Protein backbone atom coordinates (compact mmCIF):
# COMPACT_ATOMS: atom_id res chain seq x y z
CA MET A 1 -26.83 41.35 -53.43
CA PHE A 2 -23.03 41.04 -52.99
CA SER A 3 -22.31 41.16 -56.73
CA GLN A 4 -24.70 44.03 -57.41
CA LEU A 5 -23.27 46.11 -54.59
CA LEU A 6 -19.70 45.36 -55.65
CA ALA A 7 -20.52 46.31 -59.24
CA ARG A 8 -21.93 49.63 -58.04
CA PHE A 9 -18.78 50.54 -56.12
CA ALA A 10 -16.50 49.27 -58.91
CA LYS A 11 -18.55 51.33 -61.40
CA GLN A 12 -19.11 48.28 -63.61
CA PRO A 13 -22.33 46.96 -65.16
CA SER A 14 -21.76 43.55 -63.56
CA VAL A 15 -19.26 41.52 -61.56
CA GLU A 16 -18.58 37.79 -61.88
CA PRO A 17 -16.90 35.56 -59.26
CA GLY A 18 -13.75 35.47 -61.39
CA SER A 19 -13.58 39.26 -61.80
CA VAL A 20 -10.19 40.56 -60.66
CA LEU A 21 -10.76 43.31 -58.08
CA PHE A 22 -7.74 45.53 -58.58
CA ARG A 23 -5.31 46.59 -61.31
CA SER A 24 -6.28 45.25 -64.73
CA GLY A 25 -9.60 43.88 -63.54
CA LEU A 26 -12.26 46.07 -61.97
CA ASP A 27 -9.55 48.60 -61.07
CA MET A 28 -11.27 49.23 -57.76
CA GLY A 29 -9.53 51.82 -55.60
CA SER A 30 -8.88 51.34 -51.90
CA LEU A 31 -11.40 54.01 -50.91
CA ALA A 32 -14.14 52.45 -53.03
CA PHE A 33 -13.25 49.05 -51.56
CA LEU A 34 -13.60 50.32 -47.98
CA GLU A 35 -16.87 52.09 -48.82
CA PHE A 36 -18.13 48.82 -50.32
CA ILE A 37 -17.24 46.90 -47.14
CA MET A 38 -18.90 49.50 -44.89
CA THR A 39 -22.06 49.54 -47.02
CA LEU A 40 -22.14 45.74 -47.10
CA GLU A 41 -21.96 45.73 -43.29
CA GLU A 42 -24.81 48.26 -43.04
CA GLU A 43 -27.08 46.48 -45.52
CA THR A 44 -26.51 42.95 -44.20
CA GLY A 45 -26.08 43.61 -40.49
CA LEU A 46 -22.75 41.78 -40.52
CA ASP A 47 -19.55 42.78 -38.77
CA ILE A 48 -16.74 42.23 -41.29
CA ASP A 49 -13.22 42.00 -39.89
CA VAL A 50 -11.15 43.98 -42.39
CA ASP A 51 -7.99 42.44 -40.95
CA VAL A 52 -8.81 39.18 -42.76
CA LEU A 53 -9.14 41.02 -46.08
CA ASP A 54 -5.52 40.97 -47.23
CA VAL A 55 -3.62 41.13 -50.51
CA SER A 56 -4.16 37.42 -51.17
CA ILE A 57 -7.72 38.25 -52.24
CA GLU A 58 -7.64 38.72 -56.00
CA THR A 59 -11.15 38.08 -57.29
CA ALA A 60 -14.73 38.86 -56.33
CA GLY A 61 -15.20 35.15 -55.55
CA HIS A 62 -12.21 35.13 -53.18
CA LEU A 63 -13.59 38.22 -51.45
CA PHE A 64 -17.04 36.68 -51.05
CA ASP A 65 -15.57 33.46 -49.62
CA ARG A 66 -13.34 35.33 -47.18
CA ILE A 67 -16.19 37.54 -45.97
CA ALA A 68 -18.56 34.58 -45.64
CA ALA A 69 -15.99 32.68 -43.59
CA GLY A 70 -15.18 35.50 -41.18
CA ALA A 71 -18.25 37.74 -40.92
CA LYS A 72 -20.30 37.76 -37.75
CA PRO A 73 -23.67 39.30 -36.93
CA ALA A 74 -23.17 42.85 -35.72
CA ALA A 75 -23.49 43.29 -31.98
């Protein structure tokens, strides 16, 4: 579900773990990124701390790992 949802917001047919999120990769804008995070929260029932999503995240795989490590069930 993560990859399909990310692909939808990045306007790409598919996303792989090594896909670069910004710039020369998926070229995902900051607004699309935030909309993706909010939709992911709604569809999974997770509370994702956006403060842990910093510039060190470069690929879809990094993003997935960071979210999986820090997400909590929504209250």
